[in-house]
Amino acid sequence: MRSKEIEREGTPVCPLCKRPIPSHAKQSQHHLIPKLKGGRGGPTVLLHQVCHNEIHATLTEAELARDFDTPEKLRTHPHLAKFVQWLEKKPADFHVRTQKSLRRRRK
């Protein structure tokens, strides 16, 4: 079951950064509750790939399931809020490699 995607003039809008997602841009579906935490078949949202990567580099599956299961909650996370503010000035099809999470770099 997919959630309804917000559209602006027929173009989907990323619920994290609120920028349009052009058809040629890298994009992916994000399970609001991770599949490993029971979200298989649950609601998803279409995101820019760069936004999706940043979410998973920032938060664990457990944190996503427990505290950040909506786009609104994701935008309240301090790191993601700062990321979205940085991303506002980028074109809608902007993509950059996401750095590994701090947790993974420490290992």
N, C-alpha and C. Protein backbone atom coordinates (compact mmCIF):
# COMPACT_ATOMS: atom_id res chain seq x y z
N MET A 1 0.83 -1.17 0.00
CA MET A 1 0.00 0.00 0.00
C MET A 1 0.89 1.24 0.00
N ARG A 2 0.76 2.07 -1.01
CA ARG A 2 1.54 3.31 -1.08
C ARG A 2 0.70 4.47 -0.58
N SER A 3 1.35 5.39 0.13
CA SER A 3 0.62 6.57 0.55
C SER A 3 0.45 7.49 -0.66
N LYS A 4 -0.51 8.38 -0.57
CA LYS A 4 -0.70 9.35 -1.65
C LYS A 4 0.50 10.29 -1.67
N GLU A 5 1.03 10.52 -2.84
CA GLU A 5 2.17 11.40 -2.98
C GLU A 5 1.68 12.79 -3.32
N ILE A 6 2.25 13.76 -2.67
CA ILE A 6 1.90 15.14 -2.94
C ILE A 6 2.41 15.49 -4.33
N GLU A 7 1.59 16.15 -5.11
CA GLU A 7 2.00 16.54 -6.45
C GLU A 7 1.80 18.03 -6.65
N ARG A 8 2.70 18.59 -7.42
CA ARG A 8 2.60 19.99 -7.81
C ARG A 8 2.61 19.99 -9.33
N GLU A 9 1.46 20.34 -9.92
CA GLU A 9 1.32 20.37 -11.37
C GLU A 9 1.73 19.05 -12.00
N GLY A 10 1.30 17.94 -11.42
CA GLY A 10 1.58 16.62 -11.97
C GLY A 10 2.94 16.04 -11.61
N THR A 11 3.79 16.81 -10.95
CA THR A 11 5.12 16.33 -10.55
C THR A 11 5.09 16.03 -9.06
N PRO A 12 5.53 14.81 -8.65
CA PRO A 12 5.56 14.51 -7.22
C PRO A 12 6.50 15.45 -6.48
N VAL A 13 6.18 15.68 -5.22
CA VAL A 13 6.99 16.55 -4.36
C VAL A 13 7.55 15.70 -3.22
N CYS A 14 8.83 15.83 -2.97
CA CYS A 14 9.49 15.09 -1.90
C CYS A 14 8.95 15.57 -0.55
N PRO A 15 8.40 14.67 0.27
CA PRO A 15 7.85 15.10 1.55
C PRO A 15 8.91 15.50 2.58
N LEU A 16 10.18 15.19 2.32
CA LEU A 16 11.23 15.61 3.25
C LEU A 16 11.70 17.03 2.93
N CYS A 17 12.15 17.25 1.70
CA CYS A 17 12.73 18.55 1.35
C CYS A 17 11.73 19.51 0.69
N LYS A 18 10.55 19.00 0.33
CA LYS A 18 9.48 19.80 -0.28
C LYS A 18 9.83 20.33 -1.68
N ARG A 19 10.84 19.74 -2.33
CA ARG A 19 11.18 20.12 -3.70
C ARG A 19 10.52 19.14 -4.66
N PRO A 20 10.20 19.59 -5.90
CA PRO A 20 9.62 18.65 -6.87
C PRO A 20 10.62 17.55 -7.22
N ILE A 21 10.09 16.40 -7.60
CA ILE A 21 10.93 15.27 -8.01
C ILE A 21 10.72 15.06 -9.51
N PRO A 22 11.60 15.61 -10.35
CA PRO A 22 11.45 15.41 -11.79
C PRO A 22 11.56 13.93 -12.15
N SER A 23 10.92 13.54 -13.24
CA SER A 23 10.94 12.13 -13.63
C SER A 23 12.35 11.62 -13.92
N HIS A 24 13.26 12.51 -14.33
CA HIS A 24 14.63 12.08 -14.63
C HIS A 24 15.55 12.08 -13.41
N ALA A 25 15.07 12.55 -12.26
CA ALA A 25 15.89 12.61 -11.05
C ALA A 25 15.97 11.25 -10.38
N LYS A 26 17.06 11.00 -9.68
CA LYS A 26 17.18 9.76 -8.90
C LYS A 26 16.17 9.85 -7.77
N GLN A 27 15.40 8.78 -7.61
CA GLN A 27 14.33 8.76 -6.62
C GLN A 27 14.13 7.35 -6.09
N SER A 28 13.47 7.24 -4.95
CA SER A 28 13.18 5.91 -4.40
C SER A 28 12.04 5.99 -3.40
N GLN A 29 11.46 4.83 -3.14
CA GLN A 29 10.38 4.72 -2.16
C GLN A 29 10.98 4.47 -0.78
N HIS A 30 10.48 5.17 0.22
CA HIS A 30 10.94 5.01 1.60
C HIS A 30 9.80 4.41 2.41
N HIS A 31 10.06 3.28 3.06
CA HIS A 31 9.07 2.68 3.96
C HIS A 31 9.07 3.50 5.25
N LEU A 32 7.92 4.05 5.60
CA LEU A 32 7.85 4.87 6.81
C LEU A 32 8.17 4.05 8.05
N ILE A 33 7.79 2.79 8.06
CA ILE A 33 8.23 1.87 9.10
C ILE A 33 9.13 0.87 8.37
N PRO A 34 10.41 0.79 8.75
CA PRO A 34 11.34 -0.08 8.03
C PRO A 34 10.81 -1.52 7.91
N LYS A 35 11.12 -2.14 6.78
CA LYS A 35 10.68 -3.52 6.53
C LYS A 35 11.16 -4.45 7.63
N LEU A 36 12.38 -4.24 8.13
CA LEU A 36 12.92 -5.09 9.18
C LEU A 36 12.18 -4.93 10.51
N LYS A 37 11.42 -3.86 10.64
CA LYS A 37 10.68 -3.58 11.88
C LYS A 37 9.18 -3.73 11.68
N GLY A 38 8.79 -4.53 10.69
CA GLY A 38 7.37 -4.80 10.48
C GLY A 38 6.68 -3.94 9.45
N GLY A 39 7.43 -3.15 8.70
CA GLY A 39 6.83 -2.23 7.74
C GLY A 39 6.63 -2.78 6.34
N ARG A 40 6.92 -4.06 6.13
CA ARG A 40 6.73 -4.66 4.80
C ARG A 40 5.26 -4.56 4.44
N GLY A 41 4.98 -3.96 3.29
CA GLY A 41 3.60 -3.79 2.86
C GLY A 41 2.94 -2.55 3.45
N GLY A 42 3.67 -1.84 4.30
CA GLY A 42 3.12 -0.64 4.92
C GLY A 42 3.27 0.57 4.01
N PRO A 43 2.88 1.74 4.51
CA PRO A 43 2.93 2.96 3.69
C PRO A 43 4.35 3.36 3.31
N THR A 44 4.49 3.86 2.09
CA THR A 44 5.76 4.38 1.60
C THR A 44 5.55 5.79 1.07
N VAL A 45 6.66 6.52 0.95
CA VAL A 45 6.63 7.84 0.33
C VAL A 45 7.75 7.90 -0.70
N LEU A 46 7.51 8.62 -1.77
CA LEU A 46 8.51 8.82 -2.81
C LEU A 46 9.42 9.97 -2.39
N LEU A 47 10.73 9.72 -2.39
CA LEU A 47 11.72 10.72 -1.99
C LEU A 47 12.77 10.86 -3.07
N HIS A 48 13.48 12.01 -3.07
CA HIS A 48 14.71 12.10 -3.85
C HIS A 48 15.66 11.05 -3.28
N GLN A 49 16.48 10.44 -4.11
CA GLN A 49 17.43 9.45 -3.62
C GLN A 49 18.38 10.06 -2.59
N VAL A 50 18.81 11.30 -2.81
CA VAL A 50 19.73 11.94 -1.87
C VAL A 50 19.07 12.11 -0.49
N CYS A 51 17.78 12.40 -0.47
CA CYS A 51 17.05 12.54 0.80
C CYS A 51 16.94 11.17 1.49
N HIS A 52 16.60 10.15 0.71
CA HIS A 52 16.47 8.80 1.25
C HIS A 52 17.80 8.32 1.83
N ASN A 53 18.89 8.55 1.10
CA ASN A 53 20.21 8.15 1.59
C ASN A 53 20.55 8.85 2.90
N GLU A 54 20.24 10.15 2.99
CA GLU A 54 20.57 10.91 4.20
C GLU A 54 19.78 10.40 5.40
N ILE A 55 18.52 10.04 5.19
CA ILE A 55 17.71 9.49 6.28
C ILE A 55 18.38 8.25 6.85
N HIS A 56 18.77 7.33 5.96
CA HIS A 56 19.34 6.06 6.42
C HIS A 56 20.77 6.21 6.93
N ALA A 57 21.48 7.25 6.51
CA ALA A 57 22.82 7.51 7.06
C ALA A 57 22.73 8.14 8.44
N THR A 58 21.59 8.76 8.74
CA THR A 58 21.42 9.49 9.99
C THR A 58 20.77 8.66 11.09
N LEU A 59 19.78 7.87 10.72
CA LEU A 59 18.97 7.16 11.71
C LEU A 59 19.05 5.65 11.54
N THR A 60 18.96 4.94 12.65
CA THR A 60 18.91 3.48 12.61
C THR A 60 17.50 3.03 12.27
N GLU A 61 17.37 1.76 11.91
CA GLU A 61 16.05 1.19 11.63
C GLU A 61 15.15 1.31 12.87
N ALA A 62 15.71 1.05 14.03
CA ALA A 62 14.94 1.14 15.28
C ALA A 62 14.47 2.57 15.54
N GLU A 63 15.34 3.55 15.33
CA GLU A 63 14.95 4.95 15.52
C GLU A 63 13.85 5.34 14.54
N LEU A 64 13.98 4.90 13.29
CA LEU A 64 12.96 5.20 12.29
C LEU A 64 11.61 4.62 12.72
N ALA A 65 11.58 3.38 13.14
CA ALA A 65 10.33 2.73 13.52
C ALA A 65 9.73 3.35 14.77
N ARG A 66 10.57 3.68 15.73
CA ARG A 66 10.10 4.16 17.03
C ARG A 66 9.73 5.64 17.03
N ASP A 67 10.57 6.49 16.42
CA ASP A 67 10.41 7.94 16.60
C ASP A 67 10.21 8.75 15.33
N PHE A 68 10.52 8.19 14.17
CA PHE A 68 10.52 8.99 12.94
C PHE A 68 9.76 8.29 11.82
N ASP A 69 8.49 7.96 12.08
CA ASP A 69 7.69 7.19 11.14
C ASP A 69 6.79 8.04 10.24
N THR A 70 7.03 9.35 10.19
CA THR A 70 6.30 10.23 9.26
C THR A 70 7.29 11.25 8.70
N PRO A 71 6.99 11.82 7.53
CA PRO A 71 7.87 12.87 7.00
C PRO A 71 7.97 14.07 7.95
N GLU A 72 6.87 14.39 8.62
CA GLU A 72 6.87 15.53 9.54
C GLU A 72 7.85 15.30 10.69
N LYS A 73 7.85 14.08 11.23
CA LYS A 73 8.78 13.75 12.31
C LYS A 73 10.22 13.73 11.82
N LEU A 74 10.44 13.23 10.60
CA LEU A 74 11.79 13.23 10.03
C LEU A 74 12.33 14.65 9.93
N ARG A 75 11.50 15.60 9.52
CA ARG A 75 11.96 16.99 9.37
C ARG A 75 12.30 17.64 10.70
N THR A 76 11.84 17.07 11.82
CA THR A 76 12.17 17.65 13.13
C THR A 76 13.53 17.21 13.65
N HIS A 77 14.12 16.17 13.04
CA HIS A 77 15.44 15.71 13.49
C HIS A 77 16.46 16.80 13.18
N PRO A 78 17.28 17.22 14.15
CA PRO A 78 18.21 18.34 13.94
C PRO A 78 19.12 18.18 12.72
N HIS A 79 19.70 17.01 12.53
CA HIS A 79 20.60 16.82 11.39
C HIS A 79 19.83 16.89 10.07
N LEU A 80 18.68 16.24 10.01
CA LEU A 80 17.90 16.24 8.77
C LEU A 80 17.35 17.63 8.48
N ALA A 81 16.98 18.39 9.50
CA ALA A 81 16.52 19.76 9.30
C ALA A 81 17.62 20.62 8.69
N LYS A 82 18.83 20.45 9.18
CA LYS A 82 19.98 21.18 8.65
C LYS A 82 20.27 20.74 7.21
N PHE A 83 20.17 19.44 6.93
CA PHE A 83 20.36 18.91 5.59
C PHE A 83 19.33 19.50 4.62
N VAL A 84 18.07 19.54 5.02
CA VAL A 84 17.00 20.09 4.18
C VAL A 84 17.26 21.57 3.90
N GLN A 85 17.70 22.30 4.90
CA GLN A 85 18.01 23.72 4.71
C GLN A 85 19.14 23.89 3.69
N TRP A 86 20.16 23.05 3.75
CA TRP A 86 21.27 23.09 2.79
C TRP A 86 20.76 22.73 1.39
N LEU A 87 19.87 21.76 1.32
CA LEU A 87 19.38 21.24 0.05
C LEU A 87 18.44 22.22 -0.67
N GLU A 88 17.81 23.12 0.08
CA GLU A 88 16.86 24.08 -0.50
C GLU A 88 17.42 24.84 -1.70
N LYS A 89 18.70 25.14 -1.69
CA LYS A 89 19.32 25.96 -2.73
C LYS A 89 19.77 25.14 -3.94
N LYS A 90 19.59 23.83 -3.87
CA LYS A 90 20.04 22.94 -4.95
C LYS A 90 18.89 22.72 -5.95
N PRO A 91 19.25 22.40 -7.22
CA PRO A 91 18.20 22.10 -8.20
C PRO A 91 17.46 20.81 -7.82
N ALA A 92 16.25 20.67 -8.34
CA ALA A 92 15.39 19.54 -7.98
C ALA A 92 16.00 18.18 -8.34
N ASP A 93 16.88 18.13 -9.33
CA ASP A 93 17.47 16.85 -9.71
C ASP A 93 18.89 16.67 -9.13
N PHE A 94 19.26 17.49 -8.16
CA PHE A 94 20.58 17.43 -7.53
C PHE A 94 20.78 16.08 -6.83
N HIS A 95 21.97 15.51 -7.01
CA HIS A 95 22.32 14.28 -6.31
C HIS A 95 23.81 14.33 -5.98
N VAL A 96 24.15 13.88 -4.81
CA VAL A 96 25.53 13.80 -4.36
C VAL A 96 25.65 12.54 -3.52
N ARG A 97 26.84 11.94 -3.52
CA ARG A 97 27.04 10.77 -2.67
C ARG A 97 26.89 11.16 -1.21
N THR A 98 26.20 10.35 -0.48
CA THR A 98 25.99 10.59 0.94
C THR A 98 27.14 9.96 1.72
N GLN A 99 27.67 10.72 2.68
CA GLN A 99 28.73 10.17 3.51
C GLN A 99 28.15 9.09 4.42
N LYS A 100 28.99 8.13 4.80
CA LYS A 100 28.54 7.08 5.71
C LYS A 100 28.15 7.70 7.04
N SER A 101 27.28 7.01 7.74
CA SER A 101 26.85 7.50 9.03
C SER A 101 28.01 7.53 10.00
N LEU A 102 27.92 8.37 11.02
CA LEU A 102 28.95 8.44 12.05
C LEU A 102 29.13 7.10 12.74
N ARG A 103 28.03 6.39 12.96
CA ARG A 103 28.10 5.08 13.64
C ARG A 103 28.94 4.11 12.82
N ARG A 104 28.77 4.11 11.49
CA ARG A 104 29.51 3.18 10.64
C ARG A 104 30.97 3.59 10.51
N ARG A 105 31.26 4.89 10.53
CA ARG A 105 32.64 5.35 10.39
C ARG A 105 33.47 5.00 11.63
N ARG A 106 32.84 4.91 12.78
CA ARG A 106 33.56 4.63 14.02
C ARG A 106 34.01 3.19 14.12
N LYS A 107 33.37 2.29 13.38
CA LYS A 107 33.70 0.86 13.46
C LYS A 107 35.03 0.55 12.86
